[in-house]
Amino acid sequence: MEIRITHKKTEISRQLRELIEEKCAKLERFIKVTGEVDIVLKEEKEYVCFAEINLPIKGAVIHAEAEAGDILSSFEEALSKAEKQVKKYRDKITKHKD
């Protein structure tokens, strides 16, 4: 799985980049990712950070976004939303095959 991280109006450290890649790799245990995962991290004024995740899977694209006080917590919130969507999609497919 390839991960493309874009950051706007902020800089992310190498450690944060590695942590994000490690956490995204855990999504592959639920479903196969067919393309490149896009992660957009933005920092707006007054210390509000946004995270957006686009996850291409077979037959759909999972999109999740969140906002929080710092970049890491906004990313983790968006990742948990994406994880819920992936699990729901996986369950829908497995039930449909029965």
PDB file of N, CA and C in Angstrom:
ATOM      1  N   MET A   1       0.841  -1.166   0.000  1.00  0.00           N
ATOM      2  CA  MET A   1       0.000   0.000   0.000  1.00  0.00           C
ATOM      3  C   MET A   1       0.892   1.237   0.000  1.00  0.00           C
ATOM      4  N   GLU A   2       0.630   2.133  -0.921  1.00  0.00           N
ATOM      5  CA  GLU A   2       1.371   3.384  -0.990  1.00  0.00           C
ATOM      6  C   GLU A   2       0.576   4.472  -0.281  1.00  0.00           C
ATOM      7  N   ILE A   3       1.279   5.300   0.462  1.00  0.00           N
ATOM      8  CA  ILE A   3       0.639   6.365   1.221  1.00  0.00           C
ATOM      9  C   ILE A   3       1.238   7.694   0.796  1.00  0.00           C
ATOM     10  N   ARG A   4       0.371   8.622   0.405  1.00  0.00           N
ATOM     11  CA  ARG A   4       0.813   9.964   0.029  1.00  0.00           C
ATOM     12  C   ARG A   4       0.285  10.940   1.073  1.00  0.00           C
ATOM     13  N   ILE A   5       1.195  11.599   1.758  1.00  0.00           N
ATOM     14  CA  ILE A   5       0.830  12.545   2.807  1.00  0.00           C
ATOM     15  C   ILE A   5       1.079  13.957   2.301  1.00  0.00           C
ATOM     16  N   THR A   6       0.039  14.777   2.321  1.00  0.00           N
ATOM     17  CA  THR A   6       0.128  16.171   1.919  1.00  0.00           C
ATOM     18  C   THR A   6      -0.146  17.022   3.147  1.00  0.00           C
ATOM     19  N   HIS A   7       0.695  17.997   3.384  1.00  0.00           N
ATOM     20  CA  HIS A   7       0.465  18.876   4.527  1.00  0.00           C
ATOM     21  C   HIS A   7       0.424  20.315   4.038  1.00  0.00           C
ATOM     22  N   LYS A   8      -0.585  21.034   4.501  1.00  0.00           N
ATOM     23  CA  LYS A   8      -0.775  22.422   4.099  1.00  0.00           C
ATOM     24  C   LYS A   8      -0.671  23.316   5.325  1.00  0.00           C
ATOM     25  N   LYS A   9       0.106  24.353   5.208  1.00  0.00           N
ATOM     26  CA  LYS A   9       0.307  25.342   6.268  1.00  0.00           C
ATOM     27  C   LYS A   9       0.895  24.748   7.536  1.00  0.00           C
ATOM     28  N   THR A  10       1.562  23.624   7.427  1.00  0.00           N
ATOM     29  CA  THR A  10       2.189  23.000   8.585  1.00  0.00           C
ATOM     30  C   THR A  10       3.316  22.090   8.122  1.00  0.00           C
ATOM     31  N   GLU A  11       4.187  21.785   9.012  1.00  0.00           N
ATOM     32  CA  GLU A  11       5.268  20.837   8.749  1.00  0.00           C
ATOM     33  C   GLU A  11       5.069  19.624   9.649  1.00  0.00           C
ATOM     34  N   ILE A  12       5.358  18.443   9.119  1.00  0.00           N
ATOM     35  CA  ILE A  12       5.263  17.242   9.942  1.00  0.00           C
ATOM     36  C   ILE A  12       6.649  16.612  10.037  1.00  0.00           C
ATOM     37  N   SER A  13       6.921  16.078  11.195  1.00  0.00           N
ATOM     38  CA  SER A  13       8.240  15.494  11.422  1.00  0.00           C
ATOM     39  C   SER A  13       8.326  14.105  10.795  1.00  0.00           C
ATOM     40  N   ARG A  14       9.519  13.603  10.722  1.00  0.00           N
ATOM     41  CA  ARG A  14       9.751  12.264  10.175  1.00  0.00           C
ATOM     42  C   ARG A  14       9.090  11.210  11.067  1.00  0.00           C
ATOM     43  N   GLN A  15       9.157  11.425  12.384  1.00  0.00           N
ATOM     44  CA  GLN A  15       8.541  10.486  13.328  1.00  0.00           C
ATOM     45  C   GLN A  15       7.033  10.438  13.149  1.00  0.00           C
ATOM     46  N   LEU A  16       6.420  11.609  12.951  1.00  0.00           N
ATOM     47  CA  LEU A  16       4.978  11.659  12.748  1.00  0.00           C
ATOM     48  C   LEU A  16       4.604  10.974  11.438  1.00  0.00           C
ATOM     49  N   ARG A  17       5.391  11.190  10.407  1.00  0.00           N
ATOM     50  CA  ARG A  17       5.143  10.540   9.112  1.00  0.00           C
ATOM     51  C   ARG A  17       5.207   9.018   9.250  1.00  0.00           C
ATOM     52  N   GLU A  18       6.201   8.516   9.969  1.00  0.00           N
ATOM     53  CA  GLU A  18       6.337   7.071  10.171  1.00  0.00           C
ATOM     54  C   GLU A  18       5.171   6.517  10.993  1.00  0.00           C
ATOM     55  N   LEU A  19       4.734   7.275  11.999  1.00  0.00           N
ATOM     56  CA  LEU A  19       3.603   6.855  12.822  1.00  0.00           C
ATOM     57  C   LEU A  19       2.325   6.776  11.995  1.00  0.00           C
ATOM     58  N   ILE A  20       2.116   7.767  11.134  1.00  0.00           N
ATOM     59  CA  ILE A  20       0.936   7.780  10.267  1.00  0.00           C
ATOM     60  C   ILE A  20       0.967   6.585   9.314  1.00  0.00           C
ATOM     61  N   GLU A  21       2.118   6.311   8.713  1.00  0.00           N
ATOM     62  CA  GLU A  21       2.238   5.180   7.795  1.00  0.00           C
ATOM     63  C   GLU A  21       2.006   3.852   8.516  1.00  0.00           C
ATOM     64  N   GLU A  22       2.499   3.747   9.727  1.00  0.00           N
ATOM     65  CA  GLU A  22       2.320   2.522  10.510  1.00  0.00           C
ATOM     66  C   GLU A  22       0.845   2.292  10.845  1.00  0.00           C
ATOM     67  N   LYS A  23       0.156   3.355  11.236  1.00  0.00           N
ATOM     68  CA  LYS A  23      -1.258   3.216  11.589  1.00  0.00           C
ATOM     69  C   LYS A  23      -2.118   2.924  10.358  1.00  0.00           C
ATOM     70  N   CYS A  24      -1.771   3.501   9.225  1.00  0.00           N
ATOM     71  CA  CYS A  24      -2.526   3.241   7.997  1.00  0.00           C
ATOM     72  C   CYS A  24      -2.325   1.810   7.509  1.00  0.00           C
ATOM     73  N   ALA A  25      -1.164   1.259   7.750  1.00  0.00           N
ATOM     74  CA  ALA A  25      -0.893  -0.109   7.318  1.00  0.00           C
ATOM     75  C   ALA A  25      -1.803  -1.101   8.026  1.00  0.00           C
ATOM     76  N   LYS A  26      -2.299  -0.760   9.192  1.00  0.00           N
ATOM     77  CA  LYS A  26      -3.203  -1.643   9.927  1.00  0.00           C
ATOM     78  C   LYS A  26      -4.563  -1.797   9.230  1.00  0.00           C
ATOM     79  N   LEU A  27      -4.898  -0.862   8.349  1.00  0.00           N
ATOM     80  CA  LEU A  27      -6.170  -0.959   7.622  1.00  0.00           C
ATOM     81  C   LEU A  27      -6.185  -2.145   6.666  1.00  0.00           C
ATOM     82  N   GLU A  28      -5.001  -2.573   6.221  1.00  0.00           N
ATOM     83  CA  GLU A  28      -4.933  -3.677   5.268  1.00  0.00           C
ATOM     84  C   GLU A  28      -5.367  -5.007   5.873  1.00  0.00           C
ATOM     85  N   ARG A  29      -5.420  -5.106   7.175  1.00  0.00           N
ATOM     86  CA  ARG A  29      -5.885  -6.362   7.768  1.00  0.00           C
ATOM     87  C   ARG A  29      -7.392  -6.526   7.604  1.00  0.00           C
ATOM     88  N   PHE A  30      -8.098  -5.415   7.327  1.00  0.00           N
ATOM     89  CA  PHE A  30      -9.540  -5.486   7.146  1.00  0.00           C
ATOM     90  C   PHE A  30      -9.936  -5.690   5.687  1.00  0.00           C
ATOM     91  N   ILE A  31      -9.243  -5.011   4.781  1.00  0.00           N
ATOM     92  CA  ILE A  31      -9.629  -5.068   3.364  1.00  0.00           C
ATOM     93  C   ILE A  31      -8.419  -4.658   2.514  1.00  0.00           C
ATOM     94  N   LYS A  32      -8.395  -5.143   1.269  1.00  0.00           N
ATOM     95  CA  LYS A  32      -7.272  -4.842   0.376  1.00  0.00           C
ATOM     96  C   LYS A  32      -7.454  -3.448  -0.228  1.00  0.00           C
ATOM     97  N   VAL A  33      -6.422  -2.645  -0.121  1.00  0.00           N
ATOM     98  CA  VAL A  33      -6.425  -1.300  -0.690  1.00  0.00           C
ATOM     99  C   VAL A  33      -5.909  -1.407  -2.119  1.00  0.00           C
ATOM    100  N   THR A  34      -6.672  -0.845  -3.079  1.00  0.00           N
ATOM    101  CA  THR A  34      -6.345  -1.027  -4.486  1.00  0.00           C
ATOM    102  C   THR A  34      -5.471   0.076  -5.067  1.00  0.00           C
ATOM    103  N   GLY A  35      -5.361   1.201  -4.417  1.00  0.00           N
ATOM    104  CA  GLY A  35      -4.577   2.304  -4.971  1.00  0.00           C
ATOM    105  C   GLY A  35      -3.766   3.000  -3.903  1.00  0.00           C
ATOM    106  N   GLU A  36      -3.509   4.265  -4.150  1.00  0.00           N
ATOM    107  CA  GLU A  36      -2.697   5.061  -3.252  1.00  0.00           C
ATOM    108  C   GLU A  36      -3.585   5.763  -2.225  1.00  0.00           C
ATOM    109  N   VAL A  37      -3.232   5.647  -0.966  1.00  0.00           N
ATOM    110  CA  VAL A  37      -3.976   6.290   0.112  1.00  0.00           C
ATOM    111  C   VAL A  37      -3.548   7.747   0.188  1.00  0.00           C
ATOM    112  N   ASP A  38      -4.517   8.656   0.113  1.00  0.00           N
ATOM    113  CA  ASP A  38      -4.230  10.092   0.193  1.00  0.00           C
ATOM    114  C   ASP A  38      -4.589  10.600   1.580  1.00  0.00           C
ATOM    115  N   ILE A  39      -3.632  11.245   2.225  1.00  0.00           N
ATOM    116  CA  ILE A  39      -3.858  11.844   3.531  1.00  0.00           C
ATOM    117  C   ILE A  39      -3.510  13.316   3.417  1.00  0.00           C
ATOM    118  N   VAL A  40      -4.451  14.169   3.785  1.00  0.00           N
ATOM    119  CA  VAL A  40      -4.230  15.607   3.747  1.00  0.00           C
ATOM    120  C   VAL A  40      -4.325  16.130   5.172  1.00  0.00           C
ATOM    121  N   LEU A  41      -3.277  16.814   5.603  1.00  0.00           N
ATOM    122  CA  LEU A  41      -3.228  17.408   6.934  1.00  0.00           C
ATOM    123  C   LEU A  41      -3.135  18.915   6.773  1.00  0.00           C
ATOM    124  N   LYS A  42      -4.059  19.649   7.414  1.00  0.00           N
ATOM    125  CA  LYS A  42      -4.071  21.109   7.302  1.00  0.00           C
ATOM    126  C   LYS A  42      -4.147  21.723   8.693  1.00  0.00           C
ATOM    127  N   GLU A  43      -3.487  22.842   8.835  1.00  0.00           N
ATOM    128  CA  GLU A  43      -3.593  23.598  10.075  1.00  0.00           C
ATOM    129  C   GLU A  43      -4.180  24.960   9.744  1.00  0.00           C
ATOM    130  N   GLU A  44      -5.272  25.287  10.384  1.00  0.00           N
ATOM    131  CA  GLU A  44      -5.928  26.560  10.162  1.00  0.00           C
ATOM    132  C   GLU A  44      -5.588  27.502  11.312  1.00  0.00           C
ATOM    133  N   LYS A  45      -6.081  28.710  11.225  1.00  0.00           N
ATOM    134  CA  LYS A  45      -5.789  29.664  12.296  1.00  0.00           C
ATOM    135  C   LYS A  45      -6.454  29.230  13.603  1.00  0.00           C
ATOM    136  N   GLU A  46      -5.976  29.746  14.676  1.00  0.00           N
ATOM    137  CA  GLU A  46      -6.457  29.452  16.026  1.00  0.00           C
ATOM    138  C   GLU A  46      -6.279  27.979  16.394  1.00  0.00           C
ATOM    139  N   TYR A  47      -5.225  27.372  15.899  1.00  0.00           N
ATOM    140  CA  TYR A  47      -4.832  26.019  16.290  1.00  0.00           C
ATOM    141  C   TYR A  47      -5.918  24.969  16.053  1.00  0.00           C
ATOM    142  N   VAL A  48      -6.557  25.029  14.931  1.00  0.00           N
ATOM    143  CA  VAL A  48      -7.506  23.996  14.521  1.00  0.00           C
ATOM    144  C   VAL A  48      -6.863  23.218  13.386  1.00  0.00           C
ATOM    145  N   CYS A  49      -6.757  21.914  13.561  1.00  0.00           N
ATOM    146  CA  CYS A  49      -6.123  21.063  12.555  1.00  0.00           C
ATOM    147  C   CYS A  49      -7.152  20.138  11.932  1.00  0.00           C
ATOM    148  N   PHE A  50      -7.031  19.934  10.638  1.00  0.00           N
ATOM    149  CA  PHE A  50      -7.921  19.059   9.894  1.00  0.00           C
ATOM    150  C   PHE A  50      -7.129  17.893   9.330  1.00  0.00           C
ATOM    151  N   ALA A  51      -7.762  16.740   9.288  1.00  0.00           N
ATOM    152  CA  ALA A  51      -7.167  15.571   8.644  1.00  0.00           C
ATOM    153  C   ALA A  51      -8.216  14.968   7.726  1.00  0.00           C
ATOM    154  N   GLU A  52      -7.780  14.571   6.557  1.00  0.00           N
ATOM    155  CA  GLU A  52      -8.670  13.973   5.559  1.00  0.00           C
ATOM    156  C   GLU A  52      -7.987  12.729   5.004  1.00  0.00           C
ATOM    157  N   ILE A  53      -8.742  11.633   4.905  1.00  0.00           N
ATOM    158  CA  ILE A  53      -8.204  10.375   4.403  1.00  0.00           C
ATOM    159  C   ILE A  53      -9.081   9.891   3.259  1.00  0.00           C
ATOM    160  N   ASN A  54      -8.458   9.583   2.125  1.00  0.00           N
ATOM    161  CA  ASN A  54      -9.142   8.974   0.986  1.00  0.00           C
ATOM    162  C   ASN A  54      -8.498   7.616   0.745  1.00  0.00           C
ATOM    163  N   LEU A  55      -9.310   6.581   0.861  1.00  0.00           N
ATOM    164  CA  LEU A  55      -8.813   5.211   0.823  1.00  0.00           C
ATOM    165  C   LEU A  55      -9.503   4.458  -0.310  1.00  0.00           C
ATOM    166  N   PRO A  56      -8.809   4.219  -1.436  1.00  0.00           N
ATOM    167  CA  PRO A  56      -9.437   3.507  -2.547  1.00  0.00           C
ATOM    168  C   PRO A  56      -9.439   1.997  -2.303  1.00  0.00           C
ATOM    169  N   ILE A  57     -10.617   1.417  -2.359  1.00  0.00           N
ATOM    170  CA  ILE A  57     -10.759  -0.026  -2.238  1.00  0.00           C
ATOM    171  C   ILE A  57     -11.569  -0.508  -3.425  1.00  0.00           C
ATOM    172  N   LYS A  58     -11.646  -1.806  -3.600  1.00  0.00           N
ATOM    173  CA  LYS A  58     -12.338  -2.359  -4.756  1.00  0.00           C
ATOM    174  C   LYS A  58     -13.814  -1.969  -4.732  1.00  0.00           C
ATOM    175  N   GLY A  59     -14.229  -1.196  -5.718  1.00  0.00           N
ATOM    176  CA  GLY A  59     -15.624  -0.816  -5.855  1.00  0.00           C
ATOM    177  C   GLY A  59     -16.032   0.452  -5.137  1.00  0.00           C
ATOM    178  N   ALA A  60     -15.142   1.087  -4.399  1.00  0.00           N
ATOM    179  CA  ALA A  60     -15.513   2.295  -3.655  1.00  0.00           C
ATOM    180  C   ALA A  60     -14.272   3.076  -3.235  1.00  0.00           C
ATOM    181  N   VAL A  61     -14.528   4.268  -2.730  1.00  0.00           N
ATOM    182  CA  VAL A  61     -13.477   5.078  -2.125  1.00  0.00           C
ATOM    183  C   VAL A  61     -13.996   5.502  -0.755  1.00  0.00           C
ATOM    184  N   ILE A  62     -13.267   5.147   0.268  1.00  0.00           N
ATOM    185  CA  ILE A  62     -13.627   5.511   1.632  1.00  0.00           C
ATOM    186  C   ILE A  62     -13.062   6.900   1.901  1.00  0.00           C
ATOM    187  N   HIS A  63     -13.907   7.812   2.386  1.00  0.00           N
ATOM    188  CA  HIS A  63     -13.490   9.175   2.685  1.00  0.00           C
ATOM    189  C   HIS A  63     -13.840   9.481   4.137  1.00  0.00           C
ATOM    190  N   ALA A  64     -12.860   9.970   4.879  1.00  0.00           N
ATOM    191  CA  ALA A  64     -13.094  10.342   6.275  1.00  0.00           C
ATOM    192  C   ALA A  64     -12.325  11.615   6.573  1.00  0.00           C
ATOM    193  N   GLU A  65     -12.943  12.467   7.370  1.00  0.00           N
ATOM    194  CA  GLU A  65     -12.260  13.696   7.771  1.00  0.00           C
ATOM    195  C   GLU A  65     -12.624  14.035   9.203  1.00  0.00           C
ATOM    196  N   ALA A  66     -11.730  14.772   9.843  1.00  0.00           N
ATOM    197  CA  ALA A  66     -11.939  15.149  11.239  1.00  0.00           C
ATOM    198  C   ALA A  66     -11.150  16.410  11.543  1.00  0.00           C
ATOM    199  N   GLU A  67     -11.541  17.074  12.617  1.00  0.00           N
ATOM    200  CA  GLU A  67     -10.804  18.242  13.068  1.00  0.00           C
ATOM    201  C   GLU A  67     -10.594  18.155  14.574  1.00  0.00           C
ATOM    202  N   ALA A  68      -9.462  18.657  15.011  1.00  0.00           N
ATOM    203  CA  ALA A  68      -9.114  18.618  16.436  1.00  0.00           C
ATOM    204  C   ALA A  68      -8.083  19.709  16.719  1.00  0.00           C
ATOM    205  N   GLY A  69      -7.576  19.711  17.930  1.00  0.00           N
ATOM    206  CA  GLY A  69      -6.631  20.734  18.348  1.00  0.00           C
ATOM    207  C   GLY A  69      -5.221  20.538  17.832  1.00  0.00           C
ATOM    208  N   ASP A  70      -4.846  19.304  17.535  1.00  0.00           N
ATOM    209  CA  ASP A  70      -3.520  19.063  16.978  1.00  0.00           C
ATOM    210  C   ASP A  70      -3.606  18.051  15.843  1.00  0.00           C
ATOM    211  N   ILE A  71      -2.529  17.951  15.088  1.00  0.00           N
ATOM    212  CA  ILE A  71      -2.529  17.139  13.869  1.00  0.00           C
ATOM    213  C   ILE A  71      -2.714  15.658  14.169  1.00  0.00           C
ATOM    214  N   LEU A  72      -2.014  15.148  15.154  1.00  0.00           N
ATOM    215  CA  LEU A  72      -2.071  13.721  15.447  1.00  0.00           C
ATOM    216  C   LEU A  72      -3.456  13.287  15.901  1.00  0.00           C
ATOM    217  N   SER A  73      -4.087  14.044  16.772  1.00  0.00           N
ATOM    218  CA  SER A  73      -5.423  13.644  17.231  1.00  0.00           C
ATOM    219  C   SER A  73      -6.453  13.773  16.115  1.00  0.00           C
ATOM    220  N   SER A  74      -6.320  14.756  15.239  1.00  0.00           N
ATOM    221  CA  SER A  74      -7.257  14.864  14.114  1.00  0.00           C
ATOM    222  C   SER A  74      -7.062  13.694  13.154  1.00  0.00           C
ATOM    223  N   PHE A  75      -5.802  13.287  12.926  1.00  0.00           N
ATOM    224  CA  PHE A  75      -5.547  12.133  12.070  1.00  0.00           C
ATOM    225  C   PHE A  75      -6.112  10.855  12.683  1.00  0.00           C
ATOM    226  N   GLU A  76      -5.897  10.653  13.971  1.00  0.00           N
ATOM    227  CA  GLU A  76      -6.400   9.440  14.624  1.00  0.00           C
ATOM    228  C   GLU A  76      -7.923   9.380  14.594  1.00  0.00           C
ATOM    229  N   GLU A  77      -8.576  10.524  14.746  1.00  0.00           N
ATOM    230  CA  GLU A  77     -10.040  10.557  14.677  1.00  0.00           C
ATOM    231  C   GLU A  77     -10.524  10.214  13.266  1.00  0.00           C
ATOM    232  N   ALA A  78      -9.878  10.780  12.261  1.00  0.00           N
ATOM    233  CA  ALA A  78     -10.244  10.474  10.875  1.00  0.00           C
ATOM    234  C   ALA A  78      -9.963   9.007  10.559  1.00  0.00           C
ATOM    235  N   LEU A  79      -8.867   8.475  11.082  1.00  0.00           N
ATOM    236  CA  LEU A  79      -8.535   7.073  10.856  1.00  0.00           C
ATOM    237  C   LEU A  79      -9.570   6.147  11.484  1.00  0.00           C
ATOM    238  N   SER A  80     -10.047   6.486  12.665  1.00  0.00           N
ATOM    239  CA  SER A  80     -11.070   5.638  13.295  1.00  0.00           C
ATOM    240  C   SER A  80     -12.368   5.681  12.505  1.00  0.00           C
ATOM    241  N   LYS A  81     -12.701   6.845  11.940  1.00  0.00           N
ATOM    242  CA  LYS A  81     -13.891   6.945  11.091  1.00  0.00           C
ATOM    243  C   LYS A  81     -13.728   6.093   9.829  1.00  0.00           C
ATOM    244  N   ALA A  82     -12.546   6.144   9.225  1.00  0.00           N
ATOM    245  CA  ALA A  82     -12.284   5.346   8.030  1.00  0.00           C
ATOM    246  C   ALA A  82     -12.331   3.864   8.363  1.00  0.00           C
ATOM    247  N   GLU A  83     -11.815   3.491   9.512  1.00  0.00           N
ATOM    248  CA  GLU A  83     -11.819   2.088   9.931  1.00  0.00           C
ATOM    249  C   GLU A  83     -13.254   1.572  10.090  1.00  0.00           C
ATOM    250  N   LYS A  84     -14.122   2.381  10.667  1.00  0.00           N
ATOM    251  CA  LYS A  84     -15.533   1.991  10.811  1.00  0.00           C
ATOM    252  C   LYS A  84     -16.180   1.795   9.445  1.00  0.00           C
ATOM    253  N   GLN A  85     -15.877   2.694   8.515  1.00  0.00           N
ATOM    254  CA  GLN A  85     -16.448   2.577   7.180  1.00  0.00           C
ATOM    255  C   GLN A  85     -15.937   1.333   6.461  1.00  0.00           C
ATOM    256  N   VAL A  86     -14.663   1.029   6.627  1.00  0.00           N
ATOM    257  CA  VAL A  86     -14.079  -0.156   5.994  1.00  0.00           C
ATOM    258  C   VAL A  86     -14.716  -1.422   6.549  1.00  0.00           C
ATOM    259  N   LYS A  87     -14.888  -1.484   7.855  1.00  0.00           N
ATOM    260  CA  LYS A  87     -15.519  -2.659   8.472  1.00  0.00           C
ATOM    261  C   LYS A  87     -16.957  -2.815   7.991  1.00  0.00           C
ATOM    262  N   LYS A  88     -17.680  -1.717   7.899  1.00  0.00           N
ATOM    263  CA  LYS A  88     -19.065  -1.757   7.419  1.00  0.00           C
ATOM    264  C   LYS A  88     -19.121  -2.243   5.970  1.00  0.00           C
ATOM    265  N   TYR A  89     -18.207  -1.750   5.133  1.00  0.00           N
ATOM    266  CA  TYR A  89     -18.151  -2.155   3.736  1.00  0.00           C
ATOM    267  C   TYR A  89     -17.797  -3.634   3.617  1.00  0.00           C
ATOM    268  N   ARG A  90     -16.832  -4.076   4.417  1.00  0.00           N
ATOM    269  CA  ARG A  90     -16.420  -5.487   4.396  1.00  0.00           C
ATOM    270  C   ARG A  90     -17.581  -6.391   4.817  1.00  0.00           C
ATOM    271  N   ASP A  91     -18.303  -6.008   5.869  1.00  0.00           N
ATOM    272  CA  ASP A  91     -19.446  -6.798   6.322  1.00  0.00           C
ATOM    273  C   ASP A  91     -20.550  -6.833   5.271  1.00  0.00           C
ATOM    274  N   LYS A  92     -20.761  -5.734   4.602  1.00  0.00           N
ATOM    275  CA  LYS A  92     -21.771  -5.660   3.547  1.00  0.00           C
ATOM    276  C   LYS A  92     -21.430  -6.623   2.412  1.00  0.00           C
ATOM    277  N   ILE A  93     -20.157  -6.673   2.031  1.00  0.00           N
ATOM    278  CA  ILE A  93     -19.729  -7.560   0.946  1.00  0.00           C
ATOM    279  C   ILE A  93     -19.844  -9.020   1.361  1.00  0.00           C
ATOM    280  N   THR A  94     -19.414  -9.356   2.563  1.00  0.00           N
ATOM    281  CA  THR A  94     -19.444 -10.753   2.998  1.00  0.00           C
ATOM    282  C   THR A  94     -20.881 -11.237   3.176  1.00  0.00           C
ATOM    283  N   LYS A  95     -21.777 -10.395   3.642  1.00  0.00           N
ATOM    284  CA  LYS A  95     -23.192 -10.774   3.775  1.00  0.00           C
ATOM    285  C   LYS A  95     -23.838 -10.931   2.412  1.00  0.00           C
ATOM    286  N   HIS A  96     -23.411 -10.113   1.465  1.00  0.00           N
ATOM    287  CA  HIS A  96     -23.984 -10.178   0.127  1.00  0.00           C
ATOM    288  C   HIS A  96     -23.583 -11.478  -0.590  1.00  0.00           C
ATOM    289  N   LYS A  97     -22.395 -11.989  -0.278  1.00  0.00           N
ATOM    290  CA  LYS A  97     -21.944 -13.218  -0.915  1.00  0.00           C
ATOM    291  C   LYS A  97     -22.682 -14.438  -0.391  1.00  0.00           C
ATOM    292  N   ASP A  98     -23.215 -14.361   0.828  1.00  0.00           N
ATOM    293  CA  ASP A  98     -23.916 -15.533   1.415  1.00  0.00           C
ATOM    294  C   ASP A  98     -25.200 -15.863   0.722  1.00  0.00           C
TER     295      ASP A  98
END
